[in-house]
C-alpha atoms as a PDB file:
ATOM      1  CA  MET A   1       6.015  23.192   1.389  1.00  0.00           C
ATOM      2  CA  ALA A   2       5.216  19.814  -0.124  1.00  0.00           C
ATOM      3  CA  TRP A   3       2.143  17.599  -0.151  1.00  0.00           C
ATOM      4  CA  GLN A   4       2.311  13.863  -0.657  1.00  0.00           C
ATOM      5  CA  LEU A   5      -0.304  12.271  -2.894  1.00  0.00           C
ATOM      6  CA  GLU A   6      -1.267   8.608  -2.737  1.00  0.00           C
ATOM      7  CA  SER A   7      -0.336   7.552  -6.264  1.00  0.00           C
ATOM      8  CA  PHE A   8       1.115   8.547  -9.602  1.00  0.00           C
ATOM      9  CA  ASP A   9      -2.429   8.636 -11.010  1.00  0.00           C
ATOM     10  CA  GLU A  10      -3.351  11.266  -8.390  1.00  0.00           C
ATOM     11  CA  LEU A  11      -0.265  13.280  -9.340  1.00  0.00           C
ATOM     12  CA  ARG A  12      -1.301  13.183 -13.013  1.00  0.00           C
ATOM     13  CA  LEU A  13      -4.825  14.297 -12.101  1.00  0.00           C
ATOM     14  CA  ALA A  14      -3.504  17.152  -9.951  1.00  0.00           C
ATOM     15  CA  HIS A  15      -1.239  18.230 -12.813  1.00  0.00           C
ATOM     16  CA  ARG A  16      -4.208  18.343 -15.208  1.00  0.00           C
ATOM     17  CA  GLU A  17      -6.320  20.285 -12.709  1.00  0.00           C
ATOM     18  CA  LEU A  18      -3.581  22.833 -12.038  1.00  0.00           C
ATOM     19  CA  LYS A  19      -3.063  23.393 -15.757  1.00  0.00           C
ATOM     20  CA  ALA A  20      -6.823  23.746 -16.304  1.00  0.00           C
ATOM     21  CA  MET A  21      -6.871  26.472 -13.629  1.00  0.00           C
ATOM     22  CA  GLY A  22      -4.005  28.287 -15.349  1.00  0.00           C
ATOM     23  CA  VAL A  23      -1.425  27.575 -12.646  1.00  0.00           C
ATOM     24  CA  PRO A  24       2.057  27.692 -14.198  1.00  0.00           C
ATOM     25  CA  ILE A  25       3.938  24.427 -13.675  1.00  0.00           C
ATOM     26  CA  GLU A  26       7.620  25.219 -13.112  1.00  0.00           C
ATOM     27  CA  SER A  27       8.815  21.631 -13.482  1.00  0.00           C
ATOM     28  CA  ALA A  28       7.864  17.967 -13.320  1.00  0.00           C
ATOM     29  CA  ILE A  29      10.714  15.748 -12.110  1.00  0.00           C
ATOM     30  CA  GLU A  30      11.484  12.032 -11.778  1.00  0.00           C
ATOM     31  CA  HIS A  31      13.637  11.632  -8.631  1.00  0.00           C
ATOM     32  CA  ASN A  32      14.037   7.803  -8.557  1.00  0.00           C
ATOM     33  CA  VAL A  33      12.119   7.496  -5.288  1.00  0.00           C
ATOM     34  CA  THR A  34       9.468  10.146  -5.969  1.00  0.00           C
ATOM     35  CA  ARG A  35       7.804  11.916  -8.866  1.00  0.00           C
ATOM     36  CA  SER A  36       7.142  15.606  -8.288  1.00  0.00           C
ATOM     37  CA  ILE A  37       5.577  18.703  -9.766  1.00  0.00           C
ATOM     38  CA  TYR A  38       6.584  22.193  -8.663  1.00  0.00           C
ATOM     39  CA  PHE A  39       4.524  25.358  -9.024  1.00  0.00           C
ATOM     40  CA  PRO A  40       4.094  28.748  -7.324  1.00  0.00           C
ATOM     41  CA  ASP A  41       1.402  29.341  -4.730  1.00  0.00           C
ATOM     42  CA  PRO A  42      -0.613  32.611  -4.935  1.00  0.00           C
ATOM     43  CA  ASP A  43       2.130  34.412  -2.959  1.00  0.00           C
ATOM     44  CA  GLY A  44       4.865  33.210  -5.300  1.00  0.00           C
ATOM     45  CA  ASN A  45       6.297  30.547  -2.985  1.00  0.00           C
ATOM     46  CA  ARG A  46       7.461  27.368  -4.718  1.00  0.00           C
ATOM     47  CA  VAL A  47       5.432  24.355  -3.617  1.00  0.00           C
ATOM     48  CA  GLU A  48       5.544  20.670  -4.497  1.00  0.00           C
ATOM     49  CA  LEU A  49       3.099  17.835  -5.016  1.00  0.00           C
ATOM     50  CA  TYR A  50       4.732  14.411  -5.055  1.00  0.00           C
ATOM     51  CA  CYS A  51       4.110  10.690  -4.853  1.00  0.00           C
ATOM     52  CA  ASP A  52       6.447   7.980  -3.611  1.00  0.00           C
ATOM     53  CA  MET A  53       7.518   5.401  -6.167  1.00  0.00           C
ATOM     54  CA  VAL A  54       9.196   2.899  -3.813  1.00  0.00           C
ATOM     55  CA  ASP A  55       8.490   1.663  -0.296  1.00  0.00           C
ATOM     56  CA  ASN A  56      11.896   2.441   1.195  1.00  0.00           C
ATOM     57  CA  GLY A  57      13.167   5.640  -0.357  1.00  0.00           C
ATOM     58  CA  PHE A  58      16.311   5.907   1.753  1.00  0.00           C
ATOM     59  CA  GLU A  59      17.447   2.412   0.767  1.00  0.00           C
ATOM     60  CA  ALA A  60      16.696   3.103  -2.888  1.00  0.00           C
ATOM     61  CA  MET A  61      18.742   6.313  -2.768  1.00  0.00           C
ATOM     62  CA  ARG A  62      21.685   4.378  -1.284  1.00  0.00           C
ATOM     63  CA  THR A  63      21.563   1.759  -4.059  1.00  0.00           C
ATOM     64  CA  VAL A  64      20.514   3.656  -7.196  1.00  0.00           C
ATOM     65  CA  GLY A  65      21.513   7.188  -6.245  1.00  0.00           C
ATOM     66  CA  PRO A  66      19.809  10.474  -6.977  1.00  0.00           C
ATOM     67  CA  ARG A  67      18.044  11.300 -10.205  1.00  0.00           C
ATOM     68  CA  ARG A  68      16.569  14.512 -11.590  1.00  0.00           C
ATOM     69  CA  ASP A  69      15.059  13.742 -14.978  1.00  0.00           C
ATOM     70  CA  PRO A  70      12.187  15.586 -16.647  1.00  0.00           C
ATOM     71  CA  LEU A  71       8.819  13.891 -16.128  1.00  0.00           C
ATOM     72  CA  ASN A  72       6.215  14.073 -18.888  1.00  0.00           C
ATOM     73  CA  LEU A  73       2.704  14.247 -17.410  1.00  0.00           C
ATOM     74  CA  ASP A  74       0.872  15.365 -20.556  1.00  0.00           C
END
């Protein structure tokens, strides 16, 4: 399950709030077209919060390719 946020600022805020609540963040990833954080829900399912970084993600993926770099949100 994934939820799209409106902006990178909202993703940063969500990251801070999750950490303040003690939710373990599994990873924060830069994907070229999105930025994402992954964490477990209360049942242990992996969930994602993300924000788009470009208007046309499919076109960007065709031209720049995939990316999976660590994202520093602290």
